[in-house]
Amino acid sequence: MKGKLAGFFIATILTLTACKTTSTSLTQKVDIREMVNSSDVTLVDVRIPEQYEAGTAKGAVNIPLAEIQNNIDSLKGKKVVVFCNKGIQADQAMEILKKNGVEAYDGTSLQNVKAIQNEKQSGK
């Protein structure tokens, strides 16, 4: 089982990085700024409830990573930006959401999402 899982992750990583170009990654960075500040996007904090309650991004909802799979139906048809503390759980959430047909974007970390929101507020 572990061998199959490791093989799956290696294949996924190779697939995701095989066709990556500089312009694609630059476009994604521009898109994430637009997505975070878009009124039709759902910001999802995938950290545990205690971390969420200690502070999160403006307008974010809390769906811990462990509960993402159970909340797929409520996220389908929405544009979603996921984030956590350092981006690791957000990456895992992205994998689950995309595999289930949810339009998801990686906001990486709470710090990143808040910085993007603050840029808009300061008029940059």
PDB file of N, CA and C in Angstrom:
ATOM      1  N   MET A   1       0.823  -1.194   0.000  1.00  0.00           N
ATOM      2  CA  MET A   1       0.000   0.000   0.000  1.00  0.00           C
ATOM      3  C   MET A   1       0.871   1.264   0.000  1.00  0.00           C
ATOM      4  N   LYS A   2       1.918   1.272   0.867  1.00  0.00           N
ATOM      5  CA  LYS A   2       2.795   2.439   0.926  1.00  0.00           C
ATOM      6  C   LYS A   2       3.510   2.632  -0.402  1.00  0.00           C
ATOM      7  N   GLY A   3       3.895   1.536  -1.041  1.00  0.00           N
ATOM      8  CA  GLY A   3       4.592   1.610  -2.322  1.00  0.00           C
ATOM      9  C   GLY A   3       3.705   2.219  -3.398  1.00  0.00           C
ATOM     10  N   LYS A   4       2.440   1.822  -3.423  1.00  0.00           N
ATOM     11  CA  LYS A   4       1.504   2.379  -4.402  1.00  0.00           C
ATOM     12  C   LYS A   4       1.274   3.861  -4.141  1.00  0.00           C
ATOM     13  N   LEU A   5       1.144   4.221  -2.876  1.00  0.00           N
ATOM     14  CA  LEU A   5       0.921   5.617  -2.503  1.00  0.00           C
ATOM     15  C   LEU A   5       2.130   6.469  -2.873  1.00  0.00           C
ATOM     16  N   ALA A   6       3.317   5.971  -2.587  1.00  0.00           N
ATOM     17  CA  ALA A   6       4.536   6.703  -2.932  1.00  0.00           C
ATOM     18  C   ALA A   6       4.643   6.856  -4.452  1.00  0.00           C
ATOM     19  N   GLY A   7       4.320   5.799  -5.173  1.00  0.00           N
ATOM     20  CA  GLY A   7       4.341   5.852  -6.632  1.00  0.00           C
ATOM     21  C   GLY A   7       3.355   6.877  -7.175  1.00  0.00           C
ATOM     22  N   PHE A   8       2.183   6.945  -6.571  1.00  0.00           N
ATOM     23  CA  PHE A   8       1.166   7.916  -6.968  1.00  0.00           C
ATOM     24  C   PHE A   8       1.679   9.336  -6.782  1.00  0.00           C
ATOM     25  N   PHE A   9       2.290   9.613  -5.605  1.00  0.00           N
ATOM     26  CA  PHE A   9       2.799  10.952  -5.343  1.00  0.00           C
ATOM     27  C   PHE A   9       3.932  11.313  -6.294  1.00  0.00           C
ATOM     28  N   ILE A  10       4.818  10.378  -6.573  1.00  0.00           N
ATOM     29  CA  ILE A  10       5.917  10.645  -7.499  1.00  0.00           C
ATOM     30  C   ILE A  10       5.370  10.928  -8.896  1.00  0.00           C
ATOM     31  N   ALA A  11       4.415  10.119  -9.342  1.00  0.00           N
ATOM     32  CA  ALA A  11       3.810  10.329 -10.657  1.00  0.00           C
ATOM     33  C   ALA A  11       3.108  11.676 -10.726  1.00  0.00           C
ATOM     34  N   THR A  12       2.402  12.042  -9.644  1.00  0.00           N
ATOM     35  CA  THR A  12       1.705  13.333  -9.601  1.00  0.00           C
ATOM     36  C   THR A  12       2.690  14.484  -9.680  1.00  0.00           C
ATOM     37  N   ILE A  13       3.762  14.410  -8.919  1.00  0.00           N
ATOM     38  CA  ILE A  13       4.766  15.469  -8.916  1.00  0.00           C
ATOM     39  C   ILE A  13       5.405  15.604 -10.299  1.00  0.00           C
ATOM     40  N   LEU A  14       5.754  14.483 -10.897  1.00  0.00           N
ATOM     41  CA  LEU A  14       6.360  14.522 -12.222  1.00  0.00           C
ATOM     42  C   LEU A  14       5.401  15.110 -13.252  1.00  0.00           C
ATOM     43  N   THR A  15       4.129  14.747 -13.150  1.00  0.00           N
ATOM     44  CA  THR A  15       3.137  15.268 -14.080  1.00  0.00           C
ATOM     45  C   THR A  15       2.972  16.767 -13.913  1.00  0.00           C
ATOM     46  N   LEU A  16       2.905  17.217 -12.682  1.00  0.00           N
ATOM     47  CA  LEU A  16       2.692  18.639 -12.421  1.00  0.00           C
ATOM     48  C   LEU A  16       3.882  19.495 -12.808  1.00  0.00           C
ATOM     49  N   THR A  17       5.078  18.960 -12.689  1.00  0.00           N
ATOM     50  CA  THR A  17       6.266  19.755 -12.986  1.00  0.00           C
ATOM     51  C   THR A  17       6.774  19.569 -14.407  1.00  0.00           C
ATOM     52  N   ALA A  18       6.335  18.560 -15.098  1.00  0.00           N
ATOM     53  CA  ALA A  18       6.862  18.254 -16.425  1.00  0.00           C
ATOM     54  C   ALA A  18       6.630  19.369 -17.437  1.00  0.00           C
ATOM     55  N   CYS A  19       5.472  19.994 -17.410  1.00  0.00           N
ATOM     56  CA  CYS A  19       5.134  20.995 -18.418  1.00  0.00           C
ATOM     57  C   CYS A  19       5.102  22.407 -17.870  1.00  0.00           C
ATOM     58  N   LYS A  20       5.646  22.622 -16.716  1.00  0.00           N
ATOM     59  CA  LYS A  20       5.615  23.947 -16.103  1.00  0.00           C
ATOM     60  C   LYS A  20       6.547  24.887 -16.850  1.00  0.00           C
ATOM     61  N   THR A  21       6.029  26.066 -17.144  1.00  0.00           N
ATOM     62  CA  THR A  21       6.861  27.083 -17.775  1.00  0.00           C
ATOM     63  C   THR A  21       6.856  28.325 -16.894  1.00  0.00           C
ATOM     64  N   THR A  22       7.780  29.214 -17.175  1.00  0.00           N
ATOM     65  CA  THR A  22       7.868  30.441 -16.394  1.00  0.00           C
ATOM     66  C   THR A  22       6.598  31.259 -16.527  1.00  0.00           C
ATOM     67  N   SER A  23       6.060  31.364 -17.724  1.00  0.00           N
ATOM     68  CA  SER A  23       4.868  32.192 -17.912  1.00  0.00           C
ATOM     69  C   SER A  23       3.670  31.610 -17.170  1.00  0.00           C
ATOM     70  N   THR A  24       3.577  30.285 -17.074  1.00  0.00           N
ATOM     71  CA  THR A  24       2.483  29.671 -16.344  1.00  0.00           C
ATOM     72  C   THR A  24       2.560  30.027 -14.869  1.00  0.00           C
ATOM     73  N   SER A  25       3.747  29.944 -14.278  1.00  0.00           N
ATOM     74  CA  SER A  25       3.855  30.244 -12.856  1.00  0.00           C
ATOM     75  C   SER A  25       3.640  31.734 -12.599  1.00  0.00           C
ATOM     76  N   LEU A  26       4.053  32.597 -13.515  1.00  0.00           N
ATOM     77  CA  LEU A  26       3.798  34.025 -13.343  1.00  0.00           C
ATOM     78  C   LEU A  26       2.311  34.320 -13.444  1.00  0.00           C
ATOM     79  N   THR A  27       1.636  33.672 -14.380  1.00  0.00           N
ATOM     80  CA  THR A  27       0.198  33.855 -14.521  1.00  0.00           C
ATOM     81  C   THR A  27      -0.510  33.419 -13.252  1.00  0.00           C
ATOM     82  N   GLN A  28      -0.082  32.310 -12.665  1.00  0.00           N
ATOM     83  CA  GLN A  28      -0.716  31.814 -11.456  1.00  0.00           C
ATOM     84  C   GLN A  28      -0.566  32.827 -10.320  1.00  0.00           C
ATOM     85  N   LYS A  29       0.591  33.456 -10.201  1.00  0.00           N
ATOM     86  CA  LYS A  29       0.791  34.442  -9.137  1.00  0.00           C
ATOM     87  C   LYS A  29      -0.121  35.637  -9.335  1.00  0.00           C
ATOM     88  N   VAL A  30      -0.270  36.079 -10.578  1.00  0.00           N
ATOM     89  CA  VAL A  30      -1.167  37.195 -10.859  1.00  0.00           C
ATOM     90  C   VAL A  30      -2.600  36.777 -10.551  1.00  0.00           C
ATOM     91  N   ASP A  31      -2.977  35.588 -10.960  1.00  0.00           N
ATOM     92  CA  ASP A  31      -4.329  35.096 -10.723  1.00  0.00           C
ATOM     93  C   ASP A  31      -4.632  34.985  -9.236  1.00  0.00           C
ATOM     94  N   ILE A  32      -3.691  34.542  -8.424  1.00  0.00           N
ATOM     95  CA  ILE A  32      -3.974  34.351  -6.997  1.00  0.00           C
ATOM     96  C   ILE A  32      -4.277  35.692  -6.343  1.00  0.00           C
ATOM     97  N   ARG A  33      -3.610  36.738  -6.767  1.00  0.00           N
ATOM     98  CA  ARG A  33      -3.897  38.078  -6.228  1.00  0.00           C
ATOM     99  C   ARG A  33      -5.334  38.475  -6.571  1.00  0.00           C
ATOM    100  N   GLU A  34      -5.713  38.246  -7.807  1.00  0.00           N
ATOM    101  CA  GLU A  34      -7.072  38.563  -8.234  1.00  0.00           C
ATOM    102  C   GLU A  34      -8.088  37.678  -7.515  1.00  0.00           C
ATOM    103  N   MET A  35      -7.737  36.402  -7.371  1.00  0.00           N
ATOM    104  CA  MET A  35      -8.665  35.459  -6.758  1.00  0.00           C
ATOM    105  C   MET A  35      -8.906  35.785  -5.286  1.00  0.00           C
ATOM    106  N   VAL A  36      -7.854  36.075  -4.542  1.00  0.00           N
ATOM    107  CA  VAL A  36      -7.989  36.357  -3.107  1.00  0.00           C
ATOM    108  C   VAL A  36      -8.918  37.541  -2.883  1.00  0.00           C
ATOM    109  N   ASN A  37      -8.846  38.540  -3.741  1.00  0.00           N
ATOM    110  CA  ASN A  37      -9.637  39.755  -3.558  1.00  0.00           C
ATOM    111  C   ASN A  37     -10.961  39.752  -4.318  1.00  0.00           C
ATOM    112  N   SER A  38     -11.279  38.653  -4.982  1.00  0.00           N
ATOM    113  CA  SER A  38     -12.517  38.559  -5.741  1.00  0.00           C
ATOM    114  C   SER A  38     -13.706  38.273  -4.819  1.00  0.00           C
ATOM    115  N   SER A  39     -14.806  38.944  -5.079  1.00  0.00           N
ATOM    116  CA  SER A  39     -15.999  38.759  -4.235  1.00  0.00           C
ATOM    117  C   SER A  39     -16.686  37.422  -4.480  1.00  0.00           C
ATOM    118  N   ASP A  40     -16.386  36.764  -5.596  1.00  0.00           N
ATOM    119  CA  ASP A  40     -17.043  35.483  -5.863  1.00  0.00           C
ATOM    120  C   ASP A  40     -16.163  34.274  -5.535  1.00  0.00           C
ATOM    121  N   VAL A  41     -15.159  34.491  -4.699  1.00  0.00           N
ATOM    122  CA  VAL A  41     -14.258  33.413  -4.290  1.00  0.00           C
ATOM    123  C   VAL A  41     -14.476  33.103  -2.814  1.00  0.00           C
ATOM    124  N   THR A  42     -14.440  31.823  -2.480  1.00  0.00           N
ATOM    125  CA  THR A  42     -14.524  31.393  -1.093  1.00  0.00           C
ATOM    126  C   THR A  42     -13.114  31.127  -0.584  1.00  0.00           C
ATOM    127  N   LEU A  43     -12.702  31.869   0.434  1.00  0.00           N
ATOM    128  CA  LEU A  43     -11.406  31.634   1.066  1.00  0.00           C
ATOM    129  C   LEU A  43     -11.591  30.550   2.115  1.00  0.00           C
ATOM    130  N   VAL A  44     -10.783  29.486   2.028  1.00  0.00           N
ATOM    131  CA  VAL A  44     -10.911  28.353   2.947  1.00  0.00           C
ATOM    132  C   VAL A  44      -9.607  28.170   3.718  1.00  0.00           C
ATOM    133  N   ASP A  45      -9.702  28.369   5.013  1.00  0.00           N
ATOM    134  CA  ASP A  45      -8.589  28.151   5.944  1.00  0.00           C
ATOM    135  C   ASP A  45      -8.661  26.682   6.349  1.00  0.00           C
ATOM    136  N   VAL A  46      -7.648  25.895   5.971  1.00  0.00           N
ATOM    137  CA  VAL A  46      -7.689  24.450   6.232  1.00  0.00           C
ATOM    138  C   VAL A  46      -6.973  24.056   7.523  1.00  0.00           C
ATOM    139  N   ARG A  47      -6.642  25.050   8.350  1.00  0.00           N
ATOM    140  CA  ARG A  47      -6.015  24.766   9.641  1.00  0.00           C
ATOM    141  C   ARG A  47      -7.057  24.263  10.632  1.00  0.00           C
ATOM    142  N   ILE A  48      -6.598  23.793  11.777  1.00  0.00           N
ATOM    143  CA  ILE A  48      -7.518  23.298  12.804  1.00  0.00           C
ATOM    144  C   ILE A  48      -8.305  24.470  13.393  1.00  0.00           C
ATOM    145  N   PRO A  49      -9.496  24.203  13.950  1.00  0.00           N
ATOM    146  CA  PRO A  49     -10.354  25.278  14.465  1.00  0.00           C
ATOM    147  C   PRO A  49      -9.669  26.212  15.465  1.00  0.00           C
ATOM    148  N   GLU A  50      -8.819  25.687  16.325  1.00  0.00           N
ATOM    149  CA  GLU A  50      -8.145  26.530  17.316  1.00  0.00           C
ATOM    150  C   GLU A  50      -7.249  27.572  16.633  1.00  0.00           C
ATOM    151  N   GLN A  51      -6.578  27.178  15.571  1.00  0.00           N
ATOM    152  CA  GLN A  51      -5.726  28.115  14.833  1.00  0.00           C
ATOM    153  C   GLN A  51      -6.577  29.148  14.100  1.00  0.00           C
ATOM    154  N   TYR A  52      -7.661  28.693  13.510  1.00  0.00           N
ATOM    155  CA  TYR A  52      -8.588  29.585  12.800  1.00  0.00           C
ATOM    156  C   TYR A  52      -9.141  30.640  13.754  1.00  0.00           C
ATOM    157  N   GLU A  53      -9.555  30.201  14.943  1.00  0.00           N
ATOM    158  CA  GLU A  53     -10.136  31.115  15.931  1.00  0.00           C
ATOM    159  C   GLU A  53      -9.115  32.132  16.448  1.00  0.00           C
ATOM    160  N   ALA A  54      -7.840  31.775  16.413  1.00  0.00           N
ATOM    161  CA  ALA A  54      -6.788  32.684  16.860  1.00  0.00           C
ATOM    162  C   ALA A  54      -6.531  33.804  15.849  1.00  0.00           C
ATOM    163  N   GLY A  55      -7.043  33.643  14.638  1.00  0.00           N
ATOM    164  CA  GLY A  55      -6.892  34.670  13.612  1.00  0.00           C
ATOM    165  C   GLY A  55      -6.815  34.071  12.231  1.00  0.00           C
ATOM    166  N   THR A  56      -7.515  34.688  11.282  1.00  0.00           N
ATOM    167  CA  THR A  56      -7.531  34.200   9.910  1.00  0.00           C
ATOM    168  C   THR A  56      -7.650  35.378   8.957  1.00  0.00           C
ATOM    169  N   ALA A  57      -7.748  35.091   7.686  1.00  0.00           N
ATOM    170  CA  ALA A  57      -7.909  36.132   6.678  1.00  0.00           C
ATOM    171  C   ALA A  57      -9.354  36.640   6.686  1.00  0.00           C
ATOM    172  N   LYS A  58      -9.517  37.876   6.253  1.00  0.00           N
ATOM    173  CA  LYS A  58     -10.843  38.478   6.209  1.00  0.00           C
ATOM    174  C   LYS A  58     -11.765  37.677   5.283  1.00  0.00           C
ATOM    175  N   GLY A  59     -12.914  37.263   5.810  1.00  0.00           N
ATOM    176  CA  GLY A  59     -13.914  36.562   5.009  1.00  0.00           C
ATOM    177  C   GLY A  59     -13.686  35.070   4.855  1.00  0.00           C
ATOM    178  N   ALA A  60     -12.658  34.527   5.484  1.00  0.00           N
ATOM    179  CA  ALA A  60     -12.346  33.097   5.323  1.00  0.00           C
ATOM    180  C   ALA A  60     -13.259  32.228   6.174  1.00  0.00           C
ATOM    181  N   VAL A  61     -13.552  31.038   5.644  1.00  0.00           N
ATOM    182  CA  VAL A  61     -14.277  30.019   6.396  1.00  0.00           C
ATOM    183  C   VAL A  61     -13.286  28.939   6.798  1.00  0.00           C
ATOM    184  N   ASN A  62     -13.612  28.214   7.839  1.00  0.00           N
ATOM    185  CA  ASN A  62     -12.728  27.158   8.331  1.00  0.00           C
ATOM    186  C   ASN A  62     -13.260  25.797   7.941  1.00  0.00           C
ATOM    187  N   ILE A  63     -12.500  25.103   7.107  1.00  0.00           N
ATOM    188  CA  ILE A  63     -12.770  23.695   6.805  1.00  0.00           C
ATOM    189  C   ILE A  63     -11.424  22.996   6.970  1.00  0.00           C
ATOM    190  N   PRO A  64     -11.181  22.403   8.148  1.00  0.00           N
ATOM    191  CA  PRO A  64      -9.899  21.742   8.384  1.00  0.00           C
ATOM    192  C   PRO A  64      -9.604  20.687   7.309  1.00  0.00           C
ATOM    193  N   LEU A  65      -8.332  20.501   7.023  1.00  0.00           N
ATOM    194  CA  LEU A  65      -7.912  19.535   6.011  1.00  0.00           C
ATOM    195  C   LEU A  65      -8.577  18.181   6.212  1.00  0.00           C
ATOM    196  N   ALA A  66      -8.671  17.734   7.456  1.00  0.00           N
ATOM    197  CA  ALA A  66      -9.273  16.426   7.746  1.00  0.00           C
ATOM    198  C   ALA A  66     -10.746  16.352   7.341  1.00  0.00           C
ATOM    199  N   GLU A  67     -11.388  17.512   7.141  1.00  0.00           N
ATOM    200  CA  GLU A  67     -12.811  17.546   6.787  1.00  0.00           C
ATOM    201  C   GLU A  67     -13.074  17.966   5.340  1.00  0.00           C
ATOM    202  N   ILE A  68     -12.017  18.250   4.583  1.00  0.00           N
ATOM    203  CA  ILE A  68     -12.184  18.721   3.196  1.00  0.00           C
ATOM    204  C   ILE A  68     -12.985  17.728   2.362  1.00  0.00           C
ATOM    205  N   GLN A  69     -12.615  16.472   2.417  1.00  0.00           N
ATOM    206  CA  GLN A  69     -13.293  15.453   1.604  1.00  0.00           C
ATOM    207  C   GLN A  69     -14.794  15.425   1.903  1.00  0.00           C
ATOM    208  N   ASN A  70     -15.174  15.588   3.156  1.00  0.00           N
ATOM    209  CA  ASN A  70     -16.584  15.554   3.541  1.00  0.00           C
ATOM    210  C   ASN A  70     -17.339  16.815   3.133  1.00  0.00           C
ATOM    211  N   ASN A  71     -16.630  17.845   2.692  1.00  0.00           N
ATOM    212  CA  ASN A  71     -17.255  19.117   2.322  1.00  0.00           C
ATOM    213  C   ASN A  71     -17.165  19.420   0.831  1.00  0.00           C
ATOM    214  N   ILE A  72     -16.806  18.437   0.041  1.00  0.00           N
ATOM    215  CA  ILE A  72     -16.658  18.619  -1.406  1.00  0.00           C
ATOM    216  C   ILE A  72     -17.935  19.168  -2.023  1.00  0.00           C
ATOM    217  N   ASP A  73     -19.082  18.586  -1.675  1.00  0.00           N
ATOM    218  CA  ASP A  73     -20.337  19.011  -2.288  1.00  0.00           C
ATOM    219  C   ASP A  73     -20.638  20.482  -2.031  1.00  0.00           C
ATOM    220  N   SER A  74     -20.297  20.980  -0.853  1.00  0.00           N
ATOM    221  CA  SER A  74     -20.567  22.389  -0.541  1.00  0.00           C
ATOM    222  C   SER A  74     -19.613  23.328  -1.272  1.00  0.00           C
ATOM    223  N   LEU A  75     -18.513  22.799  -1.794  1.00  0.00           N
ATOM    224  CA  LEU A  75     -17.528  23.627  -2.496  1.00  0.00           C
ATOM    225  C   LEU A  75     -17.627  23.535  -4.019  1.00  0.00           C
ATOM    226  N   LYS A  76     -18.303  22.507  -4.519  1.00  0.00           N
ATOM    227  CA  LYS A  76     -18.434  22.345  -5.972  1.00  0.00           C
ATOM    228  C   LYS A  76     -19.200  23.522  -6.552  1.00  0.00           C
ATOM    229  N   GLY A  77     -18.744  23.985  -7.704  1.00  0.00           N
ATOM    230  CA  GLY A  77     -19.381  25.106  -8.369  1.00  0.00           C
ATOM    231  C   GLY A  77     -18.892  26.457  -7.872  1.00  0.00           C
ATOM    232  N   LYS A  78     -17.990  26.443  -6.909  1.00  0.00           N
ATOM    233  CA  LYS A  78     -17.421  27.679  -6.368  1.00  0.00           C
ATOM    234  C   LYS A  78     -15.951  27.762  -6.747  1.00  0.00           C
ATOM    235  N   LYS A  79     -15.447  28.977  -6.768  1.00  0.00           N
ATOM    236  CA  LYS A  79     -14.005  29.190  -6.882  1.00  0.00           C
ATOM    237  C   LYS A  79     -13.495  29.261  -5.449  1.00  0.00           C
ATOM    238  N   VAL A  80     -12.466  28.468  -5.155  1.00  0.00           N
ATOM    239  CA  VAL A  80     -11.976  28.338  -3.790  1.00  0.00           C
ATOM    240  C   VAL A  80     -10.481  28.643  -3.734  1.00  0.00           C
ATOM    241  N   VAL A  81     -10.073  29.434  -2.744  1.00  0.00           N
ATOM    242  CA  VAL A  81      -8.655  29.648  -2.460  1.00  0.00           C
ATOM    243  C   VAL A  81      -8.394  29.030  -1.098  1.00  0.00           C
ATOM    244  N   VAL A  82      -7.472  28.068  -1.038  1.00  0.00           N
ATOM    245  CA  VAL A  82      -7.148  27.404   0.223  1.00  0.00           C
ATOM    246  C   VAL A  82      -5.808  27.903   0.755  1.00  0.00           C
ATOM    247  N   PHE A  83      -5.698  27.925   2.079  1.00  0.00           N
ATOM    248  CA  PHE A  83      -4.441  28.320   2.713  1.00  0.00           C
ATOM    249  C   PHE A  83      -4.355  27.694   4.098  1.00  0.00           C
ATOM    250  N   CYS A  84      -3.134  27.686   4.642  1.00  0.00           N
ATOM    251  CA  CYS A  84      -2.894  27.150   5.989  1.00  0.00           C
ATOM    252  C   CYS A  84      -1.746  27.957   6.594  1.00  0.00           C
ATOM    253  N   ASN A  85      -0.925  27.326   7.430  1.00  0.00           N
ATOM    254  CA  ASN A  85       0.200  28.048   8.044  1.00  0.00           C
ATOM    255  C   ASN A  85       1.374  28.225   7.092  1.00  0.00           C
ATOM    256  N   LYS A  86       1.818  27.137   6.481  1.00  0.00           N
ATOM    257  CA  LYS A  86       3.021  27.180   5.646  1.00  0.00           C
ATOM    258  C   LYS A  86       2.790  26.710   4.216  1.00  0.00           C
ATOM    259  N   GLY A  87       1.597  26.223   3.920  1.00  0.00           N
ATOM    260  CA  GLY A  87       1.287  25.787   2.567  1.00  0.00           C
ATOM    261  C   GLY A  87       1.227  24.286   2.375  1.00  0.00           C
ATOM    262  N   ILE A  88       1.690  23.515   3.339  1.00  0.00           N
ATOM    263  CA  ILE A  88       1.714  22.057   3.189  1.00  0.00           C
ATOM    264  C   ILE A  88       0.296  21.489   3.182  1.00  0.00           C
ATOM    265  N   GLN A  89      -0.514  21.878   4.157  1.00  0.00           N
ATOM    266  CA  GLN A  89      -1.890  21.399   4.201  1.00  0.00           C
ATOM    267  C   GLN A  89      -2.705  21.971   3.035  1.00  0.00           C
ATOM    268  N   ALA A  90      -2.397  23.189   2.624  1.00  0.00           N
ATOM    269  CA  ALA A  90      -3.084  23.785   1.481  1.00  0.00           C
ATOM    270  C   ALA A  90      -2.806  22.961   0.223  1.00  0.00           C
ATOM    271  N   ASP A  91      -1.571  22.512   0.045  1.00  0.00           N
ATOM    272  CA  ASP A  91      -1.232  21.665  -1.105  1.00  0.00           C
ATOM    273  C   ASP A  91      -2.033  20.374  -1.080  1.00  0.00           C
ATOM    274  N   GLN A  92      -2.156  19.774   0.091  1.00  0.00           N
ATOM    275  CA  GLN A  92      -2.924  18.536   0.221  1.00  0.00           C
ATOM    276  C   GLN A  92      -4.401  18.784  -0.066  1.00  0.00           C
ATOM    277  N   ALA A  93      -4.923  19.903   0.430  1.00  0.00           N
ATOM    278  CA  ALA A  93      -6.320  20.252   0.174  1.00  0.00           C
ATOM    279  C   ALA A  93      -6.543  20.481  -1.323  1.00  0.00           C
ATOM    280  N   MET A  94      -5.593  21.150  -1.973  1.00  0.00           N
ATOM    281  CA  MET A  94      -5.685  21.393  -3.418  1.00  0.00           C
ATOM    282  C   MET A  94      -5.805  20.082  -4.187  1.00  0.00           C
ATOM    283  N   GLU A  95      -4.989  19.126  -3.816  1.00  0.00           N
ATOM    284  CA  GLU A  95      -5.010  17.824  -4.484  1.00  0.00           C
ATOM    285  C   GLU A  95      -6.394  17.181  -4.358  1.00  0.00           C
ATOM    286  N   ILE A  96      -6.944  17.191  -3.163  1.00  0.00           N
ATOM    287  CA  ILE A  96      -8.268  16.589  -2.920  1.00  0.00           C
ATOM    288  C   ILE A  96      -9.341  17.340  -3.701  1.00  0.00           C
ATOM    289  N   LEU A  97      -9.322  18.662  -3.635  1.00  0.00           N
ATOM    290  CA  LEU A  97     -10.351  19.466  -4.299  1.00  0.00           C
ATOM    291  C   LEU A  97     -10.304  19.305  -5.811  1.00  0.00           C
ATOM    292  N   LYS A  98      -9.131  19.408  -6.396  1.00  0.00           N
ATOM    293  CA  LYS A  98      -9.012  19.287  -7.853  1.00  0.00           C
ATOM    294  C   LYS A  98      -9.402  17.892  -8.327  1.00  0.00           C
ATOM    295  N   LYS A  99      -9.017  16.880  -7.551  1.00  0.00           N
ATOM    296  CA  LYS A  99      -9.372  15.504  -7.901  1.00  0.00           C
ATOM    297  C   LYS A  99     -10.890  15.326  -7.926  1.00  0.00           C
ATOM    298  N   ASN A 100     -11.595  16.147  -7.142  1.00  0.00           N
ATOM    299  CA  ASN A 100     -13.048  16.051  -7.054  1.00  0.00           C
ATOM    300  C   ASN A 100     -13.763  17.133  -7.857  1.00  0.00           C
ATOM    301  N   GLY A 101     -13.050  17.793  -8.757  1.00  0.00           N
ATOM    302  CA  GLY A 101     -13.666  18.728  -9.683  1.00  0.00           C
ATOM    303  C   GLY A 101     -13.976  20.109  -9.137  1.00  0.00           C
ATOM    304  N   VAL A 102     -13.335  20.504  -8.046  1.00  0.00           N
ATOM    305  CA  VAL A 102     -13.538  21.835  -7.487  1.00  0.00           C
ATOM    306  C   VAL A 102     -12.501  22.782  -8.083  1.00  0.00           C
ATOM    307  N   GLU A 103     -12.930  23.969  -8.494  1.00  0.00           N
ATOM    308  CA  GLU A 103     -12.006  24.985  -9.020  1.00  0.00           C
ATOM    309  C   GLU A 103     -11.287  25.607  -7.831  1.00  0.00           C
ATOM    310  N   ALA A 104     -10.050  25.169  -7.610  1.00  0.00           N
ATOM    311  CA  ALA A 104      -9.312  25.572  -6.413  1.00  0.00           C
ATOM    312  C   ALA A 104      -8.000  26.251  -6.777  1.00  0.00           C
ATOM    313  N   TYR A 105      -7.620  27.200  -5.943  1.00  0.00           N
ATOM    314  CA  TYR A 105      -6.379  27.945  -6.110  1.00  0.00           C
ATOM    315  C   TYR A 105      -5.609  27.895  -4.806  1.00  0.00           C
ATOM    316  N   ASP A 106      -4.298  27.850  -4.910  1.00  0.00           N
ATOM    317  CA  ASP A 106      -3.444  27.707  -3.738  1.00  0.00           C
ATOM    318  C   ASP A 106      -2.992  29.072  -3.235  1.00  0.00           C
ATOM    319  N   GLY A 107      -3.569  29.491  -2.103  1.00  0.00           N
ATOM    320  CA  GLY A 107      -3.165  30.745  -1.478  1.00  0.00           C
ATOM    321  C   GLY A 107      -1.933  30.571  -0.615  1.00  0.00           C
ATOM    322  N   THR A 108      -1.485  29.343  -0.480  1.00  0.00           N
ATOM    323  CA  THR A 108      -0.321  28.930   0.291  1.00  0.00           C
ATOM    324  C   THR A 108      -0.523  29.142   1.785  1.00  0.00           C
ATOM    325  N   SER A 109      -0.167  30.325   2.296  1.00  0.00           N
ATOM    326  CA  SER A 109      -0.192  30.531   3.744  1.00  0.00           C
ATOM    327  C   SER A 109      -1.135  31.660   4.142  1.00  0.00           C
ATOM    328  N   LEU A 110      -1.528  31.651   5.406  1.00  0.00           N
ATOM    329  CA  LEU A 110      -2.331  32.727   5.962  1.00  0.00           C
ATOM    330  C   LEU A 110      -1.607  34.052   5.768  1.00  0.00           C
ATOM    331  N   GLN A 111      -0.323  34.055   6.017  1.00  0.00           N
ATOM    332  CA  GLN A 111       0.480  35.270   5.880  1.00  0.00           C
ATOM    333  C   GLN A 111       0.412  35.810   4.449  1.00  0.00           C
ATOM    334  N   ASN A 112       0.483  34.935   3.460  1.00  0.00           N
ATOM    335  CA  ASN A 112       0.415  35.333   2.057  1.00  0.00           C
ATOM    336  C   ASN A 112      -0.953  35.926   1.722  1.00  0.00           C
ATOM    337  N   VAL A 113      -2.020  35.251   2.134  1.00  0.00           N
ATOM    338  CA  VAL A 113      -3.375  35.722   1.834  1.00  0.00           C
ATOM    339  C   VAL A 113      -3.637  37.072   2.499  1.00  0.00           C
ATOM    340  N   LYS A 114      -3.224  37.216   3.750  1.00  0.00           N
ATOM    341  CA  LYS A 114      -3.420  38.495   4.443  1.00  0.00           C
ATOM    342  C   LYS A 114      -2.616  39.610   3.781  1.00  0.00           C
ATOM    343  N   ALA A 115      -1.416  39.302   3.320  1.00  0.00           N
ATOM    344  CA  ALA A 115      -0.590  40.307   2.636  1.00  0.00           C
ATOM    345  C   ALA A 115      -1.273  40.767   1.347  1.00  0.00           C
ATOM    346  N   ILE A 116      -1.856  39.834   0.609  1.00  0.00           N
ATOM    347  CA  ILE A 116      -2.575  40.184  -0.620  1.00  0.00           C
ATOM    348  C   ILE A 116      -3.779  41.060  -0.294  1.00  0.00           C
ATOM    349  N   GLN A 117      -4.514  40.699   0.750  1.00  0.00           N
ATOM    350  CA  GLN A 117      -5.665  41.517   1.156  1.00  0.00           C
ATOM    351  C   GLN A 117      -5.209  42.910   1.590  1.00  0.00           C
ATOM    352  N   ASN A 118      -4.100  42.995   2.300  1.00  0.00           N
ATOM    353  CA  ASN A 118      -3.589  44.283   2.768  1.00  0.00           C
ATOM    354  C   ASN A 118      -3.107  45.163   1.604  1.00  0.00           C
ATOM    355  N   GLU A 119      -2.569  44.529   0.551  1.00  0.00           N
ATOM    356  CA  GLU A 119      -2.142  45.296  -0.636  1.00  0.00           C
ATOM    357  C   GLU A 119      -3.318  46.033  -1.225  1.00  0.00           C
ATOM    358  N   LYS A 120      -4.439  45.339  -1.341  1.00  0.00           N
ATOM    359  CA  LYS A 120      -5.634  45.953  -1.926  1.00  0.00           C
ATOM    360  C   LYS A 120      -6.111  47.111  -1.057  1.00  0.00           C
ATOM    361  N   GLN A 121      -6.097  46.917   0.248  1.00  0.00           N
ATOM    362  CA  GLN A 121      -6.557  47.964   1.165  1.00  0.00           C
ATOM    363  C   GLN A 121      -5.662  49.200   1.110  1.00  0.00           C
ATOM    364  N   SER A 122      -4.371  48.980   0.898  1.00  0.00           N
ATOM    365  CA  SER A 122      -3.454  50.127   0.867  1.00  0.00           C
ATOM    366  C   SER A 122      -3.385  50.759  -0.521  1.00  0.00           C
ATOM    367  N   GLY A 123      -4.136  50.167  -1.464  1.00  0.00           N
ATOM    368  CA  GLY A 123      -4.239  50.768  -2.802  1.00  0.00           C
ATOM    369  C   GLY A 123      -3.132  50.423  -3.768  1.00  0.00           C
ATOM    370  N   LYS A 124      -2.352  49.394  -3.496  1.00  0.00           N
ATOM    371  CA  LYS A 124      -1.262  49.001  -4.403  1.00  0.00           C
ATOM    372  C   LYS A 124      -1.795  48.208  -5.567  1.00  0.00           C
TER     373      LYS A 124
END
